Protein backbone atom coordinates (compact mmCIF):
# COMPACT_ATOMS: atom_id res chain seq x y z
CA MET A 1 0.06 0.03 0.36
CA ASN A 2 2.98 2.30 1.14
CA THR A 3 4.48 1.82 -2.05
CA ASP A 4 1.92 2.20 -4.33
CA ARG A 5 1.25 5.37 -2.66
CA SER A 6 5.00 6.35 -3.11
CA ILE A 7 4.65 5.35 -6.69
CA PHE A 8 1.71 7.49 -7.26
CA ARG A 9 3.70 10.11 -5.73
CA LYS A 10 6.28 10.27 -7.64
CA TYR A 11 4.22 9.72 -11.44
CA GLY A 12 0.80 10.45 -10.91
CA ARG A 13 1.54 14.01 -9.37
CA ALA A 14 4.01 14.41 -11.99
CA LEU A 15 2.03 13.52 -14.82
CA LEU A 16 -0.68 15.69 -13.50
CA ALA A 17 1.21 18.97 -12.72
CA GLY A 18 2.78 17.98 -16.06
CA GLU A 19 -0.76 18.23 -18.06
CA ARG A 20 -1.46 21.49 -15.91
CA ALA A 21 2.09 23.02 -17.01
CA GLY A 22 0.44 23.57 -20.76
CA PHE A 23 2.86 21.92 -22.99
CA ILE A 24 1.78 18.92 -24.62
CA SER A 25 0.11 16.59 -22.78
CA PRO A 26 2.66 13.68 -21.08
CA VAL A 27 -0.08 11.20 -20.53
CA GLY A 28 -1.20 11.57 -24.14
CA PHE A 29 2.40 11.36 -24.91
CA PHE A 30 3.60 8.20 -22.74
CA ALA A 31 0.43 6.26 -23.76
CA MET A 32 1.06 6.79 -27.73
CA HIS A 33 4.69 5.27 -27.58
CA LEU A 34 3.40 2.24 -25.95
CA PHE A 35 0.56 1.86 -28.36
CA GLN A 36 3.23 2.20 -31.52
CA GLY A 37 5.19 -0.41 -29.45
CA THR A 38 1.99 -2.32 -29.78
CA ALA A 39 1.12 -1.96 -33.09
CA TRP A 40 4.78 -3.21 -34.10
CA ILE A 41 3.84 -6.33 -32.10
CA LEU A 42 0.62 -6.82 -33.05
CA LEU A 43 2.61 -6.48 -36.79
CA ILE A 44 4.83 -9.26 -36.19
CA LEU A 45 2.07 -11.57 -34.82
CA PHE A 46 0.57 -10.94 -38.28
CA ALA A 47 3.35 -11.70 -40.09
CA LEU A 48 3.91 -15.42 -38.08
CA ARG A 49 0.32 -15.98 -38.51
CA LYS A 50 0.66 -15.71 -42.53
CA GLY A 51 -2.42 -13.08 -41.65
CA ALA A 52 -4.83 -12.08 -44.56
CA VAL A 53 -5.58 -8.52 -45.24
CA GLY A 54 -8.77 -7.42 -43.91
CA SER A 55 -8.38 -10.37 -41.16
CA PRO A 56 -9.36 -8.83 -37.79
CA LEU A 57 -5.44 -8.75 -36.83
CA PHE A 58 -5.12 -6.58 -39.52
CA PHE A 59 -7.15 -4.26 -38.58
CA ALA A 60 -6.23 -4.42 -34.97
CA MET A 61 -2.81 -3.30 -36.12
CA LEU A 62 -3.47 -0.94 -38.49
CA HIS A 63 -5.69 1.04 -36.07
CA ALA A 64 -3.05 0.87 -33.47
CA PHE A 65 -1.12 2.73 -35.46
CA GLY A 66 -3.78 4.84 -37.06
CA LEU A 67 -5.59 5.80 -34.07
CA GLY A 68 -3.24 4.85 -30.66
CA PHE A 69 -0.10 6.05 -31.69
CA LEU A 70 -0.73 9.17 -34.45
CA THR A 71 -3.93 10.14 -33.16
CA LEU A 72 -2.65 10.21 -29.90
CA ALA A 73 0.45 11.78 -30.66
CA ALA A 74 -1.25 14.60 -32.37
CA LEU A 75 -4.01 15.14 -29.66
CA SER A 76 -0.75 15.46 -27.95
CA VAL A 77 0.81 18.05 -29.61
CA LEU A 78 -2.81 20.35 -30.32
CA VAL A 79 -3.66 21.00 -26.76
CA HIS A 80 0.03 22.33 -26.25
CA VAL A 81 0.05 24.22 -30.25
CA LEU A 82 -3.54 25.49 -30.25
CA PRO A 83 -3.28 28.07 -27.01
CA ALA A 84 0.38 28.86 -28.39
CA ALA A 85 -0.07 29.50 -32.17
CA ALA A 86 -3.58 30.34 -32.27
CA GLY A 87 -4.21 32.28 -29.35
CA ILE A 88 -7.29 29.68 -28.38
CA PRO A 89 -7.28 28.35 -24.77
CA VAL A 90 -8.37 24.68 -25.72
CA GLY A 91 -6.50 22.22 -24.31
CA GLU A 92 -5.29 24.65 -21.31
CA SER A 93 -7.66 23.44 -19.10
CA LEU A 94 -7.58 19.60 -17.46
CA ARG A 95 -10.90 18.67 -18.78
CA ASP A 96 -9.89 20.02 -21.90
CA ARG A 97 -6.91 17.20 -21.71
CA GLY A 98 -9.57 14.50 -20.22
CA ALA A 99 -10.19 14.53 -24.34
CA ILE A 100 -7.13 12.61 -24.91
CA GLY A 101 -7.92 10.15 -22.51
CA GLY A 102 -11.22 9.54 -23.41
CA VAL A 103 -9.62 8.82 -27.15
CA LEU A 104 -6.92 6.17 -25.19
CA VAL A 105 -10.28 4.64 -24.00
CA GLY A 106 -11.46 4.28 -26.95
CA ALA A 107 -8.74 3.46 -28.81
CA LEU A 108 -8.25 0.02 -26.06
CA PHE A 109 -11.45 -1.09 -26.42
CA PHE A 110 -11.60 -0.57 -30.52
CA VAL A 111 -8.06 -2.12 -30.92
CA GLY A 112 -8.88 -4.66 -28.06
CA GLY A 113 -12.03 -5.61 -30.06
CA TRP A 114 -10.52 -6.43 -33.35
CA ILE A 115 -7.97 -8.36 -31.32
CA ILE A 116 -10.43 -10.63 -29.59
CA PRO A 117 -12.02 -10.80 -31.87
CA ASN A 118 -15.83 -9.15 -30.76
CA LEU A 119 -17.05 -6.19 -32.96
CA ARG A 120 -19.05 -5.00 -30.17
CA VAL A 121 -16.38 -4.24 -27.91
CA ALA A 122 -14.52 -2.45 -31.15
CA LEU A 123 -17.86 -0.65 -31.58
CA ALA A 124 -17.99 0.43 -28.17
CA GLY A 125 -14.16 1.96 -28.52
CA GLY A 126 -15.54 3.72 -31.69
CA GLY A 127 -18.29 5.38 -30.13
CA ILE A 128 -15.97 6.72 -27.30
CA VAL A 129 -13.48 7.99 -29.43
CA LEU A 130 -16.53 9.44 -31.72
CA LEU A 131 -17.56 11.62 -28.09
CA THR A 132 -14.24 12.85 -27.46
CA GLY A 133 -13.71 13.58 -31.32
CA GLY A 134 -16.68 15.52 -30.97
CA TYR A 135 -16.27 17.45 -28.27
CA PHE A 136 -12.32 18.40 -28.92
CA LEU A 137 -14.00 20.02 -32.37
CA LEU A 138 -17.21 21.91 -30.78
CA ARG A 139 -15.17 23.49 -28.02
CA VAL A 140 -12.71 24.44 -31.08
CA LEU A 141 -15.60 26.24 -32.88
CA ARG A 142 -17.03 27.77 -29.59
CA GLU A 143 -13.45 29.55 -29.42
CA ILE A 144 -13.75 30.66 -32.72
CA GLY A 145 -17.38 31.36 -32.75
CA ASP A 146 -16.25 33.55 -29.68
CA GLY A 147 -13.95 35.36 -31.72
CA ARG A 148 -10.75 34.03 -30.12
CA GLY A 149 -7.14 33.10 -31.50
CA ARG A 150 -6.42 36.92 -32.38
CA THR A 151 -2.89 36.12 -32.25
CA ARG A 152 -2.20 34.26 -35.13
CA PRO A 153 1.25 34.10 -36.59
CA ARG A 154 1.40 36.17 -40.17
CA GLY A 155 -2.54 35.34 -40.54
CA ALA A 156 -2.49 31.59 -40.71
CA ARG A 157 -5.63 30.77 -39.14
CA LEU A 158 -4.36 27.77 -37.42
CA ASP A 159 -7.65 27.27 -35.46
CA LEU A 160 -9.89 27.09 -38.69
CA MET A 161 -7.42 24.43 -40.50
CA THR A 162 -7.95 22.69 -37.15
CA ALA A 163 -11.62 22.31 -37.22
CA VAL A 164 -11.50 21.35 -40.47
CA ALA A 165 -8.87 18.46 -39.39
CA LEU A 166 -11.04 17.34 -36.54
CA SER A 167 -14.06 17.35 -38.69
CA PHE A 168 -12.86 14.96 -41.11
CA PHE A 169 -11.97 12.78 -37.78
CA VAL A 170 -15.15 13.20 -36.31
CA ALA A 171 -16.45 11.86 -40.06
CA GLY A 172 -13.89 9.44 -40.44
CA THR A 173 -14.72 7.82 -37.34
CA LEU A 174 -18.51 7.85 -37.75
CA LEU A 175 -18.12 6.63 -40.73
CA GLY A 176 -16.09 4.13 -39.37
CA ILE A 177 -19.10 2.67 -36.87
CA PHE A 178 -21.13 2.32 -39.88
CA MET A 179 -18.78 -0.05 -41.53
CA LEU A 180 -18.62 -2.08 -38.15
CA LEU A 181 -22.58 -1.73 -37.90
CA THR A 182 -22.71 -3.12 -41.38
CA LEU A 183 -20.57 -5.99 -40.21
CA LEU A 184 -22.55 -6.85 -37.40
CA HIS A 185 -25.90 -5.83 -39.14
CA PRO A 186 -26.04 -6.46 -42.64
CA GLY A 187 -29.23 -4.95 -43.31
CA VAL A 188 -27.40 -1.19 -42.61
CA GLY A 189 -26.63 -1.37 -46.31
CA LEU A 190 -23.26 0.24 -46.74
CA SER A 191 -20.81 -0.53 -49.17
CA LEU A 192 -18.01 -2.48 -47.66
CA THR A 193 -16.36 -2.22 -50.65
CA LEU A 194 -16.41 2.07 -51.65
CA ALA A 195 -16.53 2.67 -47.74
CA PRO A 196 -12.95 1.70 -46.80
CA PRO A 197 -10.80 3.74 -48.96
CA ALA A 198 -13.51 6.77 -48.29
CA HIS A 199 -12.66 6.29 -44.49
CA ALA A 200 -8.57 5.65 -45.12
CA LEU A 201 -8.73 8.89 -46.89
CA MET A 202 -10.95 10.71 -44.24
CA MET A 203 -8.61 9.48 -41.31
CA ILE A 204 -5.38 9.58 -43.15
CA GLY A 205 -5.77 12.69 -45.64
CA GLY A 206 -8.13 14.74 -44.00
CA TRP A 207 -7.62 14.36 -40.36
CA LEU A 208 -3.60 13.35 -40.11
CA SER A 209 -2.02 14.67 -43.16
CA LEU A 210 -4.08 17.96 -43.35
CA LEU A 211 -3.65 18.63 -39.64
CA VAL A 212 0.43 17.87 -40.27
CA MET A 213 0.29 20.53 -42.97
CA SER A 214 -1.31 22.94 -40.42
CA VAL A 215 0.93 21.96 -37.48
CA PHE A 216 4.02 22.01 -39.47
CA LEU A 217 3.55 25.67 -39.86
CA ARG A 218 3.92 27.02 -36.15
CA THR A 219 6.40 24.24 -35.12
CA SER A 220 8.52 24.71 -38.10
CA GLY A 221 10.28 27.24 -36.15
CA PRO A 222 11.65 25.60 -33.41
CA LEU A 223 12.19 22.11 -35.49
CA LEU A 224 14.54 23.81 -38.28
CA GLU A 225 15.22 27.55 -36.78
CA ARG A 226 13.65 28.83 -39.46
CA SER A 227 9.58 28.92 -40.28
CA VAL A 228 8.32 27.56 -43.24
CA MET A 229 5.05 29.78 -43.31
CA SER A 230 3.61 31.54 -46.79
CA GLU A 231 1.06 32.03 -48.67
CA TYR A 232 2.02 29.67 -51.05
CA SER A 233 1.48 27.43 -47.79
CA MET A 234 -1.76 28.38 -46.98
CA LYS A 235 -2.93 28.06 -50.64
CA GLY A 236 -1.52 24.58 -51.08
CA TRP A 237 -3.53 23.40 -47.62
CA ILE A 238 -6.00 24.79 -49.40
CA LEU A 239 -6.04 23.20 -52.87
CA VAL A 240 -5.20 19.58 -50.68
CA LEU A 241 -8.38 19.86 -49.20
CA CYS A 242 -9.98 20.94 -52.12
CA GLY A 243 -8.67 17.95 -53.74
CA ILE A 244 -9.79 15.61 -51.00
CA LEU A 245 -13.29 16.89 -50.85
CA LEU A 246 -13.53 16.10 -54.18
CA ALA A 247 -12.00 12.49 -53.97
CA LEU A 248 -14.92 11.65 -51.41
CA PRO A 249 -17.85 11.84 -53.74
CA GLY A 250 -15.59 9.97 -56.44
CA ILE A 251 -15.02 6.84 -54.17
CA LEU A 252 -18.55 6.76 -52.44
CA MET A 253 -20.98 7.33 -55.43
CA PRO A 254 -18.58 6.31 -57.31
CA ILE A 255 -18.01 8.68 -59.70
CA PRO A 256 -14.69 7.42 -60.97
CA LEU A 257 -14.05 10.75 -63.15
CA LEU A 258 -13.27 13.12 -60.62
CA ILE A 259 -10.62 11.02 -58.75
CA PRO A 260 -8.20 12.35 -61.57
CA THR A 261 -9.15 15.89 -61.21
CA ALA A 262 -9.10 15.47 -57.41
CA TYR A 263 -5.59 13.38 -57.66
CA ALA A 264 -4.57 16.57 -59.88
CA LEU A 265 -5.81 19.32 -57.21
CA GLY A 266 -4.04 17.13 -54.14
CA VAL A 267 -0.52 16.93 -56.27
CA ALA A 268 -0.81 20.40 -56.91
CA GLY A 269 -1.52 21.90 -53.48
CA LEU A 270 1.54 19.74 -52.19
CA PHE A 271 3.91 21.24 -54.50
CA LEU A 272 2.77 24.33 -53.67
CA TYR A 273 3.12 23.63 -49.78
CA GLY A 274 5.56 21.58 -49.83
CA ARG A 275 7.81 23.45 -51.96
CA PRO A 276 8.46 25.95 -49.47
CA ALA A 277 9.11 23.46 -46.83
CA GLY A 278 11.04 20.90 -48.98
CA ARG A 279 13.43 23.63 -49.55
CA ALA A 280 13.74 24.53 -46.04
CA ILE A 281 14.02 20.74 -44.57
CA PHE A 282 17.03 20.61 -47.03
CA ASN A 283 19.03 23.59 -46.30
CA ALA A 284 18.05 23.47 -42.81
CA HIS A 285 21.37 22.80 -40.27
CA PRO A 286 19.13 23.49 -36.41
CA SER A 287 21.01 22.77 -33.31
CA ASN A 288 19.45 19.97 -33.17
CA PRO A 289 19.96 17.58 -35.76
CA TYR A 290 17.71 14.81 -35.28
CA PRO A 291 14.32 15.69 -36.00
CA ILE A 292 15.68 16.71 -39.89
CA TRP A 293 16.44 12.62 -40.45
CA PHE A 294 12.63 12.24 -40.22
CA LEU A 295 11.33 15.11 -41.77
CA ARG A 296 13.53 14.21 -45.02
CA SER A 297 12.54 10.62 -44.37
CA SER A 298 8.39 12.06 -44.21
CA LEU A 299 8.96 14.01 -47.28
CA ALA A 300 10.37 11.10 -49.31
CA TRP A 301 7.93 8.64 -48.53
CA VAL A 302 4.91 11.29 -49.46
CA ILE A 303 7.01 11.11 -53.18
CA VAL A 304 7.21 7.79 -53.36
CA GLY A 305 3.44 7.94 -52.05
CA GLY A 306 2.32 10.15 -54.48
CA ALA A 307 3.97 8.76 -57.36
CA LEU A 308 2.90 5.07 -56.77
CA LEU A 309 -1.14 6.70 -55.96
CA PHE A 310 -0.53 7.98 -59.56
CA ALA A 311 0.22 5.14 -61.15
CA SER A 312 -2.88 3.22 -59.52
CA LEU A 313 -4.95 5.77 -61.29
CA GLY A 314 -4.13 4.22 -64.72
CA SER A 315 -3.03 0.61 -65.91
CA PHE A 316 -0.75 -0.35 -63.00
CA PRO A 317 -3.58 -0.68 -59.48
CA LEU A 318 -1.72 -1.26 -56.35
CA PRO A 319 -3.34 -2.73 -52.82
CA LEU A 320 -4.78 0.05 -50.77
CA PRO A 321 -2.89 -1.60 -47.47
CA GLY A 322 0.19 -1.19 -48.98
CA LEU A 323 -0.61 2.74 -49.93
CA LEU A 324 -1.75 2.85 -46.93
CA MET A 325 1.70 1.81 -45.00
CA ILE A 326 3.32 4.27 -47.12
CA PHE A 327 1.30 7.43 -45.57
CA LEU A 328 0.66 5.91 -42.24
CA LEU A 329 4.18 4.41 -41.00
CA GLY A 330 6.06 6.07 -44.16
CA GLY A 331 5.15 9.99 -44.49
CA VAL A 332 2.50 11.00 -41.20
CA GLY A 333 4.80 8.49 -38.89
CA GLN A 334 8.15 9.68 -39.65
CA PHE A 335 6.57 13.23 -39.26
CA PHE A 336 5.48 12.63 -35.21
CA LEU A 337 8.80 10.84 -34.93
CA ALA A 338 10.42 14.06 -35.61
CA HIS A 339 8.81 16.26 -33.14
CA LEU A 340 9.10 13.44 -30.53
CA TYR A 341 12.74 13.86 -31.14
CA HIS A 342 12.36 17.84 -30.22
CA LEU A 343 9.12 17.64 -27.89
CA GLY A 344 10.19 14.64 -26.18
CA PRO A 345 13.20 15.78 -24.61
CA ARG A 346 11.18 19.02 -23.43
CA LEU A 347 8.42 17.15 -22.10
CA LEU A 348 10.90 15.05 -19.69
CA ALA A 349 13.25 18.08 -18.79
CA ILE A 350 9.84 20.09 -18.03
CA LEU A 351 8.66 17.06 -16.60
CA ARG A 352 11.60 16.62 -14.22
CA ASN A 353 12.77 20.00 -13.17
CA GLY A 354 8.96 22.32 -13.89
CA PRO A 355 7.59 24.82 -16.42
CA ASN A 356 10.39 27.07 -16.86
CA ASP A 357 13.07 24.35 -17.61
CA LEU A 358 14.87 25.88 -21.06
CA THR A 359 17.37 22.78 -21.62
CA PRO A 360 18.03 22.21 -25.22
CA PRO A 361 16.34 18.61 -26.04
CA VAL A 362 19.99 18.14 -28.14
CA ALA A 363 21.46 18.51 -24.79
CA LEU A 364 19.65 15.32 -23.54
CA LEU A 365 20.22 13.26 -27.00
CA ASP A 366 23.03 10.86 -27.53
CA LYS A 367 24.21 10.39 -32.03
CA ARG A 368 25.14 6.82 -30.46
CA ARG A 369 21.63 5.93 -29.67
CA SER A 370 19.93 8.21 -31.68
CA VAL A 371 21.67 6.95 -35.26
CA PRO A 372 20.40 3.17 -34.71
CA THR A 373 17.49 4.18 -33.77
CA PHE A 374 17.09 5.87 -37.30
CA LEU A 375 18.01 3.62 -39.34
CA LEU A 376 16.19 0.84 -37.65
CA TYR A 377 13.14 2.35 -38.21
CA GLN A 378 13.82 2.92 -42.03
CA ALA A 379 14.82 -0.56 -42.75
CA GLY A 380 12.05 -1.60 -40.59
CA ILE A 381 9.19 0.80 -42.49
CA ALA A 382 10.60 -0.12 -45.39
CA LEU A 383 10.19 -3.59 -45.75
CA VAL A 384 7.10 -3.93 -44.30
CA ILE A 385 5.86 -1.33 -47.11
CA LEU A 386 7.35 -3.39 -49.74
CA SER A 387 5.69 -6.41 -48.67
CA PHE A 388 2.28 -4.92 -48.65
CA LEU A 389 2.62 -3.46 -51.86
CA PRO A 390 2.37 -6.67 -54.35
CA GLU A 391 -0.32 -8.90 -54.44
CA GLY A 392 -0.04 -12.35 -52.91
CA ARG A 393 1.00 -14.79 -49.89
CA HIS A 394 4.73 -14.67 -50.43
CA PHE A 395 5.93 -11.65 -48.75
CA GLU A 396 5.67 -12.89 -44.82
CA GLY A 397 9.15 -13.04 -44.27
CA LEU A 398 9.69 -9.92 -45.55
CA ARG A 399 6.83 -8.41 -43.64
CA LEU A 400 8.54 -10.11 -40.51
CA ALA A 401 11.92 -8.63 -40.80
CA GLY A 402 10.25 -5.55 -41.49
CA ALA A 403 8.74 -6.22 -37.91
CA LEU A 404 11.13 -7.08 -36.37
CA LEU A 405 13.10 -4.41 -37.37
CA GLY A 406 10.57 -2.00 -36.55
CA PHE A 407 10.13 -3.24 -33.35
CA LEU A 408 13.22 -2.65 -32.20
CA GLY A 409 13.96 0.52 -33.27
CA TRP A 410 11.21 1.17 -30.98
CA LEU A 411 13.20 -0.37 -28.20
CA SER A 412 15.92 1.56 -28.83
CA LEU A 413 13.74 4.78 -28.74
CA SER A 414 12.71 3.90 -25.22
CA ARG A 415 16.02 3.50 -24.34
CA GLU A 416 16.69 7.19 -25.25
CA ILE A 417 13.87 7.75 -23.27
CA ARG A 418 14.90 6.09 -20.83
CA SER A 419 18.10 7.85 -20.93
CA ALA A 420 16.92 11.50 -21.61
CA TRP A 421 15.09 10.83 -18.38
CA ILE A 422 17.69 10.59 -16.41
CA ILE A 423 19.92 12.79 -17.76
CA THR A 424 17.49 15.47 -16.53
CA GLY A 425 17.41 14.27 -13.09
CA ARG A 426 20.87 15.28 -13.14
CA LEU A 427 20.20 18.87 -14.58
CA PRO A 428 20.09 21.73 -11.99
CA LYS A 429 16.34 21.99 -10.87
CA THR A 430 14.60 25.07 -11.72
CA GLU A 431 13.12 27.85 -9.56
CA ASN A 432 9.22 26.19 -9.58
CA GLN A 433 8.97 22.46 -8.69
CA ILE A 434 6.97 19.99 -11.69
CA LEU A 435 5.36 18.71 -7.92
CA LEU A 436 3.97 22.37 -7.02
CA PRO A 437 0.97 23.65 -8.53
CA VAL A 438 1.63 25.50 -11.51
CA THR A 439 -0.39 28.90 -12.34
CA ARG A 440 -1.21 30.30 -15.78
CA LYS A 441 -1.70 33.51 -16.79
CA LYS A 442 -4.82 34.45 -18.35
CA SER A 443 -4.66 35.31 -21.93
């Protein structure tokens, strides 16, 4: 009993105080890291069992990456970026940050429901995610309606961009729930041929990618030590949004003639956005070089995915799971790993030494660990993607090798987190200790 209380005092109160400190969510940060490890383990099991695409284990693995890892990572960053960049206080209160806990619980039920498998458990998880995601969306919309967010840098409407991305998250979750209902009750009548690509487009394109593009306008400064914000970036974001909105009826109705136009709009938008962003990423030499590695990998996978998507529109159709892995693990996944290498060390230092800690992230990282981590991730992701691109069941060995390498990369990253935590404990303490209540200034 005393040991349990000691553990709570040491870690529970620190996490709670960390939520009050106004930085990225520590609960979401640690949960998304554990979910990422779980996703790699599920992928290993999927490869060992030579599972078929579309099996319950496949969907468990896919959503462990997309919902458990990437969505929790996105929300954990968002509750810091929205007040700091858009000037709207969504995420400053513990009640707002409780929405992240709701998504965490929903993800546990959803992924667990596919593992058992019991689709009713997964359906309950989807309902929890829908409610908590809807709460987050309504909070952002209410703050916009109240006229908050007047501190936008150079007119960047990060609040509206976030609202659009969250709208895709809620709509994509709702479509996913209807897909589950169709599996449980075929009389619902939803097409399980047309709905999955639309669901993937909403969640990876509309939710994660549009959010990534908008958040990077703010976080590029700390990561690259130069901002990529420009009129071209904003116009590019809008064109990508238009492409997604045009592609959805083309997929669901379906109206195939809309797809090439939607693709052209999306590519044009990515070019407008990516030209200044890509130049900044490849020319930057920041004091913390580790995020750059993952940002360059993310950009490379987006280019590869775009080219393969173009090929699949013609006479070389590629399986949807392969394309999903390119954008999920390669594009968006590497982007969040880049942010983890900047925000992660900052969070650990804040948890240890208080919200006023200004220890540079690079001081808590070790190149001897970071290089193997990066290489293991790149090799694992490449092999996994290759194993899902060809049709047939002859690539389980390649998939297993990739999953094992990815899991080793996650273990190496875990060692880096542990090392950074130990180093922060040796730093001089700041005046405000993390276990004391943190008083925030009213905006």
